[in-house]
Amino acid sequence: MVLFDLADGVRDIRRADDQIEVTGSARRAIRSDFVVWRLSVNAQDATLQASYNRLKGHGDRVRAYLRLKGIPDSVLTVKSVDVTPLQEQLGDGRETGRILGYRLAQQFEVRSSDVDGITRLSQEATELINQGVELTPQAPEYLFTGLAQVRVRMLAEATQDAKARAEAIASGVGGAIGGIRSVRVGVFQITPRFSTEVSDYGVNDTSSLEKDVTAVVRVTFGIR
């Protein structure tokens, strides 16, 4: 579905002696077709070996849980282990150089086109926490892989919208538009459905499953 914003057209017009500049826009509703979900396991103990053994146990349980839920190894990436020594500190914040323990973390990343399945899984992951796994799940990131194809069509639609605006304004003063003098393409805005958020640098929302894509062009037409 394509929605054209034709309101306030006059406000976006700059007219010179022989040309008119018009803002055109097009909006399209999309549904994300790819998801990235990250979760981390954590462990802390007095020695590095004890911390690692604890972390490995948590990681093994995460892998087993994901397999049980039907997640194939092909969509799972396991990152390297991050190690943070826990330094003893005095009351004034100074470190004594003595290590009290080690905190370890390891991230798991699922990348899949099964958007609905991974969404459900991310909501059910607290089962692992209830089983004693030191887990930090993140919210899924939702992406749309067909944006390149959609962009081309939307630019054409936005240009047609600009032409319709220019024709309406020119006819209102007894004139007609000529050929295109120049076209400037604005940044695409990918926002949650029905959001009014905009940015000069573009918005690329990854938090929402349902999104709107908005294209804007500024087209200069000759007038006669």
N, C-alpha and C. Protein backbone atom coordinates (compact mmCIF):
# COMPACT_ATOMS: atom_id res chain seq x y z
N MET A 1 0.85 -1.19 0.00
CA MET A 1 0.00 0.00 0.00
C MET A 1 0.88 1.23 0.00
N VAL A 2 0.54 2.22 -0.83
CA VAL A 2 1.31 3.45 -0.92
C VAL A 2 0.42 4.60 -0.51
N LEU A 3 0.92 5.44 0.38
CA LEU A 3 0.17 6.60 0.84
C LEU A 3 0.91 7.84 0.41
N PHE A 4 0.23 8.80 -0.20
CA PHE A 4 0.85 10.04 -0.63
C PHE A 4 0.42 11.15 0.31
N ASP A 5 1.37 11.92 0.76
CA ASP A 5 1.09 13.06 1.62
C ASP A 5 1.02 14.30 0.75
N LEU A 6 -0.21 14.77 0.48
CA LEU A 6 -0.41 15.91 -0.40
C LEU A 6 -0.69 17.19 0.38
N ALA A 7 -0.67 17.12 1.70
CA ALA A 7 -1.02 18.28 2.50
C ALA A 7 0.11 19.29 2.52
N ASP A 8 -0.27 20.54 2.74
CA ASP A 8 0.70 21.63 2.90
C ASP A 8 1.66 21.73 1.72
N GLY A 9 1.19 21.45 0.53
CA GLY A 9 2.06 21.51 -0.64
C GLY A 9 2.64 22.88 -0.88
N VAL A 10 1.82 23.91 -0.66
CA VAL A 10 2.30 25.26 -0.95
C VAL A 10 3.48 25.62 -0.07
N ARG A 11 3.50 25.13 1.14
CA ARG A 11 4.57 25.46 2.06
C ARG A 11 5.91 24.95 1.56
N ASP A 12 5.91 23.91 0.73
CA ASP A 12 7.14 23.30 0.25
C ASP A 12 7.54 23.79 -1.14
N ILE A 13 6.97 24.88 -1.57
CA ILE A 13 7.23 25.36 -2.92
C ILE A 13 8.12 26.60 -2.89
N ARG A 14 9.09 26.65 -3.79
CA ARG A 14 9.84 27.87 -4.01
C ARG A 14 9.77 28.17 -5.50
N ARG A 15 9.23 29.33 -5.83
CA ARG A 15 9.03 29.65 -7.25
C ARG A 15 9.95 30.79 -7.65
N ALA A 16 10.62 30.62 -8.78
CA ALA A 16 11.42 31.68 -9.37
C ALA A 16 10.70 32.14 -10.63
N ASP A 17 11.37 32.93 -11.49
CA ASP A 17 10.71 33.45 -12.67
C ASP A 17 10.32 32.35 -13.64
N ASP A 18 11.11 31.30 -13.73
CA ASP A 18 10.84 30.30 -14.76
C ASP A 18 10.89 28.88 -14.24
N GLN A 19 10.83 28.70 -12.94
CA GLN A 19 10.88 27.35 -12.41
C GLN A 19 10.15 27.27 -11.08
N ILE A 20 9.87 26.05 -10.69
CA ILE A 20 9.16 25.80 -9.44
C ILE A 20 9.76 24.56 -8.79
N GLU A 21 10.03 24.62 -7.50
CA GLU A 21 10.63 23.51 -6.76
C GLU A 21 9.60 22.93 -5.81
N VAL A 22 9.40 21.63 -5.90
CA VAL A 22 8.33 20.97 -5.15
C VAL A 22 8.88 19.76 -4.40
N THR A 23 8.37 19.56 -3.20
CA THR A 23 8.70 18.36 -2.43
C THR A 23 7.65 17.28 -2.69
N GLY A 24 8.10 16.11 -3.08
CA GLY A 24 7.21 14.97 -3.26
C GLY A 24 7.59 13.86 -2.31
N SER A 25 6.61 13.07 -1.89
CA SER A 25 6.90 11.99 -0.95
C SER A 25 6.06 10.77 -1.27
N ALA A 26 6.53 9.63 -0.80
CA ALA A 26 5.80 8.37 -0.91
C ALA A 26 6.06 7.56 0.34
N ARG A 27 5.03 6.87 0.79
CA ARG A 27 5.17 6.04 2.00
C ARG A 27 4.66 4.65 1.71
N ARG A 28 5.38 3.68 2.22
CA ARG A 28 5.00 2.28 1.99
C ARG A 28 5.10 1.50 3.31
N ALA A 29 4.09 0.69 3.57
CA ALA A 29 4.10 -0.16 4.77
C ALA A 29 4.85 -1.45 4.45
N ILE A 30 5.77 -1.84 5.33
CA ILE A 30 6.53 -3.08 5.13
C ILE A 30 6.50 -3.91 6.42
N ARG A 31 6.80 -5.17 6.26
CA ARG A 31 6.93 -6.07 7.41
C ARG A 31 8.34 -6.67 7.37
N SER A 32 9.04 -6.62 8.46
CA SER A 32 10.41 -7.13 8.51
C SER A 32 10.43 -8.61 8.11
N ASP A 33 11.48 -8.99 7.35
CA ASP A 33 11.59 -10.37 6.90
C ASP A 33 12.88 -11.04 7.38
N PHE A 34 13.60 -10.38 8.29
CA PHE A 34 14.84 -10.97 8.82
C PHE A 34 15.02 -10.46 10.25
N VAL A 35 15.53 -11.33 11.11
CA VAL A 35 15.68 -10.96 12.52
C VAL A 35 17.07 -11.35 13.02
N VAL A 36 17.62 -10.50 13.87
CA VAL A 36 18.88 -10.79 14.56
C VAL A 36 18.59 -10.73 16.05
N TRP A 37 18.91 -11.82 16.74
CA TRP A 37 18.66 -11.89 18.19
C TRP A 37 19.95 -12.26 18.89
N ARG A 38 20.34 -11.46 19.86
CA ARG A 38 21.57 -11.70 20.62
C ARG A 38 21.24 -11.96 22.08
N LEU A 39 21.98 -12.88 22.66
CA LEU A 39 21.88 -13.15 24.09
C LEU A 39 23.26 -13.49 24.61
N SER A 40 23.52 -13.12 25.85
CA SER A 40 24.84 -13.33 26.44
C SER A 40 24.71 -14.17 27.70
N VAL A 41 25.70 -15.03 27.93
CA VAL A 41 25.80 -15.75 29.19
C VAL A 41 26.96 -15.14 29.98
N ASN A 42 26.83 -15.15 31.29
CA ASN A 42 27.80 -14.51 32.16
C ASN A 42 28.18 -15.46 33.29
N ALA A 43 29.39 -15.29 33.79
CA ALA A 43 29.84 -16.09 34.93
C ALA A 43 30.91 -15.32 35.69
N GLN A 44 30.93 -15.53 36.99
CA GLN A 44 31.92 -14.86 37.84
C GLN A 44 32.35 -15.80 38.95
N ASP A 45 33.68 -15.86 39.17
CA ASP A 45 34.21 -16.70 40.24
C ASP A 45 35.57 -16.16 40.64
N ALA A 46 36.15 -16.79 41.66
CA ALA A 46 37.41 -16.28 42.23
C ALA A 46 38.60 -16.52 41.31
N THR A 47 38.58 -17.61 40.53
CA THR A 47 39.69 -17.89 39.63
C THR A 47 39.21 -17.90 38.18
N LEU A 48 40.15 -17.72 37.27
CA LEU A 48 39.80 -17.70 35.86
C LEU A 48 39.27 -19.05 35.41
N GLN A 49 39.88 -20.13 35.88
CA GLN A 49 39.44 -21.47 35.49
C GLN A 49 38.03 -21.76 36.00
N ALA A 50 37.76 -21.38 37.25
CA ALA A 50 36.42 -21.62 37.81
C ALA A 50 35.37 -20.79 37.06
N SER A 51 35.73 -19.56 36.71
CA SER A 51 34.80 -18.72 35.96
C SER A 51 34.51 -19.31 34.59
N TYR A 52 35.57 -19.81 33.94
CA TYR A 52 35.39 -20.39 32.62
C TYR A 52 34.52 -21.65 32.67
N ASN A 53 34.75 -22.49 33.65
CA ASN A 53 33.95 -23.71 33.79
C ASN A 53 32.47 -23.37 34.01
N ARG A 54 32.24 -22.35 34.81
CA ARG A 54 30.86 -21.92 35.06
C ARG A 54 30.24 -21.38 33.76
N LEU A 55 31.03 -20.58 33.02
CA LEU A 55 30.53 -20.01 31.77
C LEU A 55 30.24 -21.11 30.75
N LYS A 56 31.13 -22.08 30.66
CA LYS A 56 30.94 -23.17 29.71
C LYS A 56 29.65 -23.93 30.02
N GLY A 57 29.38 -24.13 31.29
CA GLY A 57 28.14 -24.81 31.67
C GLY A 57 26.91 -24.03 31.21
N HIS A 58 26.94 -22.71 31.40
CA HIS A 58 25.83 -21.89 30.94
C HIS A 58 25.71 -21.95 29.42
N GLY A 59 26.85 -21.87 28.73
CA GLY A 59 26.82 -21.89 27.28
C GLY A 59 26.29 -23.20 26.72
N ASP A 60 26.69 -24.32 27.33
CA ASP A 60 26.20 -25.63 26.88
C ASP A 60 24.69 -25.72 27.04
N ARG A 61 24.16 -25.15 28.11
CA ARG A 61 22.71 -25.20 28.33
C ARG A 61 21.98 -24.31 27.33
N VAL A 62 22.59 -23.20 26.96
CA VAL A 62 21.97 -22.34 25.94
C VAL A 62 21.93 -23.06 24.61
N ARG A 63 23.04 -23.69 24.22
CA ARG A 63 23.08 -24.42 22.94
C ARG A 63 22.02 -25.52 22.92
N ALA A 64 21.94 -26.28 24.01
CA ALA A 64 20.97 -27.37 24.08
C ALA A 64 19.54 -26.83 24.01
N TYR A 65 19.30 -25.71 24.64
CA TYR A 65 17.97 -25.09 24.63
C TYR A 65 17.60 -24.65 23.21
N LEU A 66 18.54 -24.02 22.51
CA LEU A 66 18.26 -23.55 21.16
C LEU A 66 18.01 -24.72 20.21
N ARG A 67 18.78 -25.79 20.34
CA ARG A 67 18.53 -26.97 19.51
C ARG A 67 17.16 -27.55 19.79
N LEU A 68 16.78 -27.61 21.07
CA LEU A 68 15.47 -28.12 21.45
C LEU A 68 14.35 -27.29 20.82
N LYS A 69 14.60 -26.00 20.66
CA LYS A 69 13.60 -25.09 20.08
C LYS A 69 13.67 -25.06 18.55
N GLY A 70 14.52 -25.91 17.97
CA GLY A 70 14.57 -26.01 16.52
C GLY A 70 15.48 -25.03 15.83
N ILE A 71 16.43 -24.43 16.57
CA ILE A 71 17.36 -23.47 15.97
C ILE A 71 18.56 -24.24 15.43
N PRO A 72 18.78 -24.26 14.12
CA PRO A 72 19.93 -25.01 13.57
C PRO A 72 21.24 -24.26 13.83
N ASP A 73 22.32 -25.02 13.87
CA ASP A 73 23.63 -24.42 14.10
C ASP A 73 24.01 -23.44 13.00
N SER A 74 23.42 -23.60 11.81
CA SER A 74 23.78 -22.75 10.68
C SER A 74 23.37 -21.30 10.87
N VAL A 75 22.42 -21.02 11.74
CA VAL A 75 21.99 -19.63 11.96
C VAL A 75 22.52 -19.08 13.28
N LEU A 76 23.36 -19.88 13.97
CA LEU A 76 23.87 -19.49 15.28
C LEU A 76 25.37 -19.18 15.19
N THR A 77 25.75 -18.03 15.74
CA THR A 77 27.16 -17.65 15.83
C THR A 77 27.51 -17.47 17.30
N VAL A 78 28.60 -18.07 17.72
CA VAL A 78 29.07 -17.95 19.10
C VAL A 78 30.31 -17.07 19.10
N LYS A 79 30.27 -15.98 19.83
CA LYS A 79 31.38 -15.03 19.86
C LYS A 79 32.45 -15.49 20.85
N SER A 80 33.60 -14.84 20.81
CA SER A 80 34.69 -15.17 21.73
C SER A 80 34.34 -14.71 23.14
N VAL A 81 35.05 -15.26 24.10
CA VAL A 81 34.79 -14.97 25.51
C VAL A 81 35.47 -13.66 25.91
N ASP A 82 34.71 -12.79 26.55
CA ASP A 82 35.25 -11.56 27.11
C ASP A 82 35.60 -11.78 28.58
N VAL A 83 36.83 -11.39 28.97
CA VAL A 83 37.31 -11.59 30.34
C VAL A 83 37.55 -10.24 31.01
N THR A 84 36.97 -10.05 32.18
CA THR A 84 37.17 -8.82 32.94
C THR A 84 37.70 -9.17 34.34
N PRO A 85 38.97 -8.87 34.63
CA PRO A 85 39.48 -9.07 35.99
C PRO A 85 38.79 -8.10 36.96
N LEU A 86 38.46 -8.59 38.12
CA LEU A 86 37.81 -7.77 39.14
C LEU A 86 38.87 -7.29 40.13
N GLN A 87 39.22 -6.02 40.03
CA GLN A 87 40.29 -5.46 40.85
C GLN A 87 39.77 -5.03 42.22
N GLU A 88 40.56 -5.29 43.23
CA GLU A 88 40.24 -4.79 44.57
C GLU A 88 40.43 -3.27 44.60
N GLN A 89 39.50 -2.58 45.21
CA GLN A 89 39.57 -1.12 45.30
C GLN A 89 39.49 -0.67 46.75
N LEU A 90 40.23 0.39 47.04
CA LEU A 90 40.16 1.01 48.36
C LEU A 90 38.92 1.89 48.43
N GLY A 91 38.67 2.43 49.59
CA GLY A 91 37.49 3.26 49.78
C GLY A 91 37.48 4.50 48.92
N ASP A 92 38.66 4.99 48.55
CA ASP A 92 38.72 6.19 47.71
C ASP A 92 38.72 5.86 46.21
N GLY A 93 38.49 4.59 45.87
CA GLY A 93 38.42 4.19 44.47
C GLY A 93 39.72 3.73 43.87
N ARG A 94 40.84 3.87 44.58
CA ARG A 94 42.12 3.42 44.04
C ARG A 94 42.20 1.89 44.04
N GLU A 95 42.83 1.35 42.97
CA GLU A 95 43.00 -0.10 42.87
C GLU A 95 44.28 -0.52 43.56
N THR A 96 44.21 -1.67 44.25
CA THR A 96 45.38 -2.16 44.99
C THR A 96 46.27 -3.06 44.14
N GLY A 97 45.78 -3.49 42.97
CA GLY A 97 46.52 -4.42 42.15
C GLY A 97 46.17 -5.86 42.43
N ARG A 98 45.39 -6.10 43.45
CA ARG A 98 44.98 -7.46 43.80
C ARG A 98 43.71 -7.82 43.03
N ILE A 99 43.70 -8.99 42.39
CA ILE A 99 42.54 -9.45 41.63
C ILE A 99 41.67 -10.33 42.53
N LEU A 100 40.42 -9.92 42.69
CA LEU A 100 39.49 -10.65 43.55
C LEU A 100 38.76 -11.76 42.81
N GLY A 101 38.72 -11.66 41.51
CA GLY A 101 37.99 -12.67 40.73
C GLY A 101 37.95 -12.27 39.27
N TYR A 102 37.16 -13.03 38.51
CA TYR A 102 37.04 -12.79 37.07
C TYR A 102 35.58 -12.87 36.65
N ARG A 103 35.19 -11.91 35.81
CA ARG A 103 33.85 -11.94 35.23
C ARG A 103 33.99 -12.23 33.74
N LEU A 104 33.31 -13.26 33.29
CA LEU A 104 33.38 -13.69 31.90
C LEU A 104 32.02 -13.53 31.24
N ALA A 105 32.02 -13.24 29.96
CA ALA A 105 30.78 -13.11 29.19
C ALA A 105 31.01 -13.66 27.79
N GLN A 106 29.98 -14.25 27.23
CA GLN A 106 30.03 -14.78 25.87
C GLN A 106 28.69 -14.54 25.19
N GLN A 107 28.75 -14.03 23.96
CA GLN A 107 27.51 -13.68 23.25
C GLN A 107 27.16 -14.73 22.20
N PHE A 108 25.88 -15.02 22.11
CA PHE A 108 25.32 -15.89 21.08
C PHE A 108 24.47 -15.01 20.16
N GLU A 109 24.57 -15.24 18.87
CA GLU A 109 23.82 -14.43 17.91
C GLU A 109 23.07 -15.34 16.95
N VAL A 110 21.75 -15.14 16.88
CA VAL A 110 20.90 -15.89 15.96
C VAL A 110 20.47 -14.94 14.85
N ARG A 111 20.71 -15.35 13.59
CA ARG A 111 20.30 -14.57 12.42
C ARG A 111 19.42 -15.46 11.56
N SER A 112 18.17 -15.05 11.37
CA SER A 112 17.22 -15.96 10.74
C SER A 112 16.13 -15.21 9.98
N SER A 113 15.56 -15.86 8.98
CA SER A 113 14.39 -15.32 8.28
C SER A 113 13.09 -15.78 8.95
N ASP A 114 13.19 -16.63 9.96
CA ASP A 114 12.00 -17.06 10.71
C ASP A 114 11.68 -16.01 11.76
N VAL A 115 11.12 -14.91 11.30
CA VAL A 115 10.92 -13.76 12.17
C VAL A 115 9.96 -14.09 13.32
N ASP A 116 8.85 -14.71 13.02
CA ASP A 116 7.86 -14.99 14.06
C ASP A 116 8.40 -16.01 15.07
N GLY A 117 9.11 -17.02 14.56
CA GLY A 117 9.64 -18.05 15.46
C GLY A 117 10.68 -17.49 16.41
N ILE A 118 11.59 -16.67 15.92
CA ILE A 118 12.62 -16.10 16.79
C ILE A 118 12.01 -15.09 17.76
N THR A 119 10.97 -14.38 17.32
CA THR A 119 10.29 -13.45 18.23
C THR A 119 9.69 -14.22 19.40
N ARG A 120 9.03 -15.32 19.12
CA ARG A 120 8.46 -16.14 20.21
C ARG A 120 9.57 -16.67 21.12
N LEU A 121 10.66 -17.13 20.51
CA LEU A 121 11.77 -17.68 21.29
C LEU A 121 12.36 -16.62 22.22
N SER A 122 12.51 -15.40 21.74
CA SER A 122 13.08 -14.34 22.57
C SER A 122 12.19 -14.05 23.78
N GLN A 123 10.90 -14.26 23.62
CA GLN A 123 9.97 -14.03 24.72
C GLN A 123 9.96 -15.18 25.73
N GLU A 124 10.38 -16.36 25.26
CA GLU A 124 10.38 -17.55 26.11
C GLU A 124 11.73 -17.80 26.79
N ALA A 125 12.74 -17.02 26.44
CA ALA A 125 14.10 -17.29 26.91
C ALA A 125 14.26 -17.16 28.41
N THR A 126 13.30 -16.53 29.08
CA THR A 126 13.38 -16.44 30.55
C THR A 126 13.31 -17.82 31.20
N GLU A 127 12.90 -18.82 30.43
CA GLU A 127 12.92 -20.19 30.96
C GLU A 127 14.33 -20.57 31.40
N LEU A 128 15.32 -20.14 30.64
CA LEU A 128 16.70 -20.45 31.00
C LEU A 128 17.11 -19.75 32.28
N ILE A 129 16.68 -18.52 32.45
CA ILE A 129 17.00 -17.79 33.69
C ILE A 129 16.39 -18.50 34.88
N ASN A 130 15.18 -18.98 34.71
CA ASN A 130 14.51 -19.72 35.80
C ASN A 130 15.22 -21.03 36.11
N GLN A 131 16.01 -21.53 35.14
CA GLN A 131 16.77 -22.76 35.36
C GLN A 131 18.16 -22.49 35.93
N GLY A 132 18.44 -21.22 36.23
CA GLY A 132 19.72 -20.88 36.85
C GLY A 132 20.80 -20.43 35.90
N VAL A 133 20.49 -20.30 34.62
CA VAL A 133 21.48 -19.83 33.65
C VAL A 133 21.60 -18.31 33.78
N GLU A 134 22.84 -17.83 33.92
CA GLU A 134 23.07 -16.38 34.01
C GLU A 134 23.04 -15.81 32.60
N LEU A 135 21.85 -15.40 32.19
CA LEU A 135 21.58 -15.03 30.81
C LEU A 135 21.14 -13.57 30.72
N THR A 136 21.63 -12.88 29.68
CA THR A 136 21.18 -11.52 29.39
C THR A 136 20.68 -11.48 27.96
N PRO A 137 19.38 -11.67 27.73
CA PRO A 137 18.85 -11.61 26.37
C PRO A 137 18.59 -10.17 25.95
N GLN A 138 18.84 -9.88 24.68
CA GLN A 138 18.53 -8.56 24.12
C GLN A 138 17.26 -8.63 23.30
N ALA A 139 16.67 -7.48 23.05
CA ALA A 139 15.49 -7.43 22.19
C ALA A 139 15.90 -7.76 20.76
N PRO A 140 15.07 -8.46 20.01
CA PRO A 140 15.40 -8.77 18.61
C PRO A 140 15.53 -7.50 17.78
N GLU A 141 16.38 -7.57 16.75
CA GLU A 141 16.50 -6.50 15.77
C GLU A 141 15.82 -6.97 14.49
N TYR A 142 14.89 -6.16 14.00
CA TYR A 142 14.11 -6.53 12.82
C TYR A 142 14.59 -5.76 11.60
N LEU A 143 14.86 -6.49 10.52
CA LEU A 143 15.40 -5.90 9.30
C LEU A 143 14.49 -6.24 8.12
N PHE A 144 14.62 -5.44 7.06
CA PHE A 144 13.88 -5.69 5.82
C PHE A 144 14.89 -5.80 4.70
N THR A 145 14.98 -6.97 4.09
CA THR A 145 16.02 -7.23 3.11
C THR A 145 15.67 -6.75 1.70
N GLY A 146 14.41 -6.40 1.46
CA GLY A 146 14.00 -5.99 0.13
C GLY A 146 14.03 -4.49 -0.09
N LEU A 147 14.76 -3.76 0.75
CA LEU A 147 14.72 -2.31 0.69
C LEU A 147 15.27 -1.77 -0.63
N ALA A 148 16.29 -2.39 -1.19
CA ALA A 148 16.88 -1.88 -2.44
C ALA A 148 15.85 -1.85 -3.56
N GLN A 149 15.03 -2.90 -3.66
CA GLN A 149 14.00 -2.94 -4.71
C GLN A 149 12.89 -1.93 -4.42
N VAL A 150 12.52 -1.82 -3.16
CA VAL A 150 11.45 -0.90 -2.78
C VAL A 150 11.87 0.55 -3.04
N ARG A 151 13.14 0.86 -2.79
CA ARG A 151 13.64 2.22 -2.97
C ARG A 151 13.39 2.73 -4.38
N VAL A 152 13.69 1.90 -5.37
CA VAL A 152 13.56 2.32 -6.76
C VAL A 152 12.11 2.70 -7.06
N ARG A 153 11.18 1.85 -6.65
CA ARG A 153 9.77 2.14 -6.91
C ARG A 153 9.29 3.37 -6.15
N MET A 154 9.76 3.52 -4.93
CA MET A 154 9.30 4.64 -4.12
C MET A 154 9.82 5.98 -4.64
N LEU A 155 11.03 6.00 -5.18
CA LEU A 155 11.54 7.23 -5.76
C LEU A 155 10.70 7.66 -6.96
N ALA A 156 10.27 6.67 -7.75
CA ALA A 156 9.39 6.99 -8.87
C ALA A 156 8.05 7.53 -8.37
N GLU A 157 7.52 6.92 -7.30
CA GLU A 157 6.25 7.38 -6.75
C GLU A 157 6.36 8.77 -6.15
N ALA A 158 7.47 9.03 -5.46
CA ALA A 158 7.67 10.35 -4.86
C ALA A 158 7.81 11.42 -5.94
N THR A 159 8.47 11.06 -7.05
CA THR A 159 8.62 12.01 -8.15
C THR A 159 7.27 12.30 -8.79
N GLN A 160 6.42 11.28 -8.94
CA GLN A 160 5.08 11.50 -9.46
C GLN A 160 4.26 12.38 -8.53
N ASP A 161 4.45 12.20 -7.23
CA ASP A 161 3.77 13.04 -6.26
C ASP A 161 4.21 14.49 -6.40
N ALA A 162 5.51 14.71 -6.59
CA ALA A 162 6.03 16.07 -6.79
C ALA A 162 5.44 16.68 -8.06
N LYS A 163 5.33 15.88 -9.10
CA LYS A 163 4.77 16.39 -10.37
C LYS A 163 3.32 16.81 -10.18
N ALA A 164 2.55 15.97 -9.45
CA ALA A 164 1.14 16.30 -9.22
C ALA A 164 1.01 17.60 -8.42
N ARG A 165 1.86 17.79 -7.45
CA ARG A 165 1.83 19.03 -6.67
C ARG A 165 2.16 20.24 -7.55
N ALA A 166 3.22 20.09 -8.35
CA ALA A 166 3.64 21.20 -9.20
C ALA A 166 2.54 21.57 -10.19
N GLU A 167 1.89 20.56 -10.79
CA GLU A 167 0.81 20.83 -11.74
C GLU A 167 -0.34 21.56 -11.08
N ALA A 168 -0.68 21.14 -9.85
CA ALA A 168 -1.79 21.78 -9.14
C ALA A 168 -1.49 23.24 -8.85
N ILE A 169 -0.28 23.50 -8.43
CA ILE A 169 0.08 24.88 -8.07
C ILE A 169 0.21 25.74 -9.32
N ALA A 170 0.83 25.22 -10.38
CA ALA A 170 1.00 25.99 -11.61
C ALA A 170 -0.35 26.31 -12.24
N SER A 171 -1.25 25.35 -12.25
CA SER A 171 -2.57 25.60 -12.85
C SER A 171 -3.35 26.62 -12.04
N GLY A 172 -3.06 26.70 -10.74
CA GLY A 172 -3.75 27.67 -9.89
C GLY A 172 -3.41 29.10 -10.22
N VAL A 173 -2.27 29.30 -10.87
CA VAL A 173 -1.88 30.65 -11.26
C VAL A 173 -1.88 30.80 -12.79
N GLY A 174 -2.59 29.89 -13.46
CA GLY A 174 -2.75 29.99 -14.89
C GLY A 174 -1.56 29.55 -15.71
N GLY A 175 -0.67 28.76 -15.13
CA GLY A 175 0.50 28.30 -15.85
C GLY A 175 0.51 26.79 -16.02
N ALA A 176 1.61 26.27 -16.51
CA ALA A 176 1.80 24.83 -16.68
C ALA A 176 3.27 24.51 -16.46
N ILE A 177 3.53 23.29 -16.03
CA ILE A 177 4.92 22.91 -15.77
C ILE A 177 5.58 22.41 -17.05
N GLY A 178 6.88 22.59 -17.13
CA GLY A 178 7.67 22.07 -18.24
C GLY A 178 8.47 20.86 -17.80
N GLY A 179 9.66 20.74 -18.35
CA GLY A 179 10.49 19.59 -18.02
C GLY A 179 11.16 19.71 -16.66
N ILE A 180 11.72 18.59 -16.21
CA ILE A 180 12.43 18.56 -14.93
C ILE A 180 13.80 19.23 -15.09
N ARG A 181 14.09 20.16 -14.21
CA ARG A 181 15.39 20.84 -14.23
C ARG A 181 16.41 20.10 -13.34
N SER A 182 15.94 19.66 -12.18
CA SER A 182 16.84 18.95 -11.26
C SER A 182 16.02 18.14 -10.27
N VAL A 183 16.68 17.13 -9.70
CA VAL A 183 16.05 16.28 -8.69
C VAL A 183 17.04 16.08 -7.55
N ARG A 184 16.58 16.29 -6.33
CA ARG A 184 17.40 16.01 -5.15
C ARG A 184 16.67 14.96 -4.31
N VAL A 185 17.37 13.89 -4.02
CA VAL A 185 16.79 12.78 -3.26
C VAL A 185 17.13 12.94 -1.79
N GLY A 186 16.12 12.93 -0.95
CA GLY A 186 16.34 13.00 0.49
C GLY A 186 16.65 11.63 1.07
N VAL A 187 16.98 11.59 2.35
CA VAL A 187 17.27 10.32 3.01
C VAL A 187 15.97 9.56 3.25
N PHE A 188 16.06 8.25 3.23
CA PHE A 188 14.90 7.42 3.51
C PHE A 188 14.69 7.34 5.03
N GLN A 189 13.44 7.33 5.42
CA GLN A 189 13.08 7.20 6.83
C GLN A 189 12.39 5.85 7.01
N ILE A 190 13.00 4.98 7.81
CA ILE A 190 12.40 3.68 8.14
C ILE A 190 12.00 3.75 9.61
N THR A 191 10.71 3.85 9.85
CA THR A 191 10.20 4.15 11.19
C THR A 191 9.18 3.09 11.62
N PRO A 192 8.91 3.00 12.93
CA PRO A 192 7.80 2.13 13.36
C PRO A 192 6.50 2.57 12.69
N ARG A 193 5.57 1.64 12.51
CA ARG A 193 4.32 1.93 11.84
C ARG A 193 3.61 3.12 12.49
N PHE A 194 3.23 4.07 11.66
CA PHE A 194 2.49 5.27 12.05
C PHE A 194 3.33 6.28 12.84
N SER A 195 4.62 6.08 12.93
CA SER A 195 5.47 7.04 13.64
C SER A 195 5.65 8.30 12.81
N THR A 196 5.81 9.43 13.49
CA THR A 196 6.08 10.70 12.81
C THR A 196 7.55 11.11 12.96
N GLU A 197 8.39 10.21 13.44
CA GLU A 197 9.81 10.52 13.66
C GLU A 197 10.51 10.76 12.32
N VAL A 198 11.32 11.81 12.26
CA VAL A 198 12.16 12.08 11.09
C VAL A 198 13.52 12.55 11.56
N SER A 199 14.51 12.44 10.69
CA SER A 199 15.86 12.90 11.00
C SER A 199 16.52 13.35 9.71
N ASP A 200 17.35 14.39 9.81
CA ASP A 200 18.10 14.85 8.64
C ASP A 200 19.03 13.77 8.12
N TYR A 201 19.45 12.85 8.98
CA TYR A 201 20.37 11.79 8.59
C TYR A 201 19.64 10.49 8.27
N GLY A 202 18.33 10.50 8.39
CA GLY A 202 17.54 9.30 8.14
C GLY A 202 17.32 8.51 9.40
N VAL A 203 16.22 7.79 9.45
CA VAL A 203 15.89 6.91 10.57
C VAL A 203 15.91 5.48 10.06
N ASN A 204 16.52 4.59 10.81
CA ASN A 204 16.55 3.18 10.44
C ASN A 204 16.15 2.36 11.66
N ASP A 205 14.86 2.25 11.85
CA ASP A 205 14.32 1.56 13.02
C ASP A 205 14.54 0.05 12.89
N THR A 206 15.08 -0.57 13.94
CA THR A 206 15.24 -2.02 13.98
C THR A 206 14.48 -2.65 15.14
N SER A 207 13.71 -1.85 15.85
CA SER A 207 13.00 -2.36 17.03
C SER A 207 11.61 -2.87 16.71
N SER A 208 11.07 -2.53 15.53
CA SER A 208 9.68 -2.84 15.21
C SER A 208 9.58 -3.86 14.09
N LEU A 209 8.63 -4.77 14.23
CA LEU A 209 8.37 -5.75 13.19
C LEU A 209 7.66 -5.10 12.00
N GLU A 210 6.67 -4.27 12.30
CA GLU A 210 5.92 -3.55 11.26
C GLU A 210 6.48 -2.14 11.14
N LYS A 211 6.80 -1.73 9.91
CA LYS A 211 7.46 -0.44 9.72
C LYS A 211 6.81 0.33 8.58
N ASP A 212 7.14 1.61 8.50
CA ASP A 212 6.84 2.45 7.35
C ASP A 212 8.15 2.93 6.74
N VAL A 213 8.22 2.93 5.41
CA VAL A 213 9.35 3.51 4.70
C VAL A 213 8.85 4.74 3.97
N THR A 214 9.54 5.86 4.16
CA THR A 214 9.15 7.11 3.52
C THR A 214 10.30 7.62 2.67
N ALA A 215 9.98 7.98 1.43
CA ALA A 215 10.95 8.56 0.51
C ALA A 215 10.54 9.99 0.21
N VAL A 216 11.52 10.88 0.11
CA VAL A 216 11.25 12.29 -0.18
C VAL A 216 12.19 12.75 -1.29
N VAL A 217 11.65 13.47 -2.25
CA VAL A 217 12.47 14.07 -3.31
C VAL A 217 12.07 15.54 -3.46
N ARG A 218 13.03 16.35 -3.86
CA ARG A 218 12.75 17.74 -4.22
C ARG A 218 13.04 17.89 -5.70
N VAL A 219 12.00 18.23 -6.45
CA VAL A 219 12.11 18.28 -7.91
C VAL A 219 11.87 19.71 -8.39
N THR A 220 12.75 20.17 -9.24
CA THR A 220 12.59 21.49 -9.85
C THR A 220 12.09 21.33 -11.28
N PHE A 221 10.92 21.94 -11.57
CA PHE A 221 10.33 21.91 -12.91
C PHE A 221 10.42 23.30 -13.54
N GLY A 222 10.58 23.32 -14.83
CA GLY A 222 10.40 24.56 -15.55
C GLY A 222 8.92 24.89 -15.61
N ILE A 223 8.57 26.17 -15.75
CA ILE A 223 7.16 26.56 -15.89
C ILE A 223 7.00 27.39 -17.15
N ARG A 224 5.80 27.30 -17.70
CA ARG A 224 5.55 28.04 -18.94
C ARG A 224 4.14 28.63 -18.93
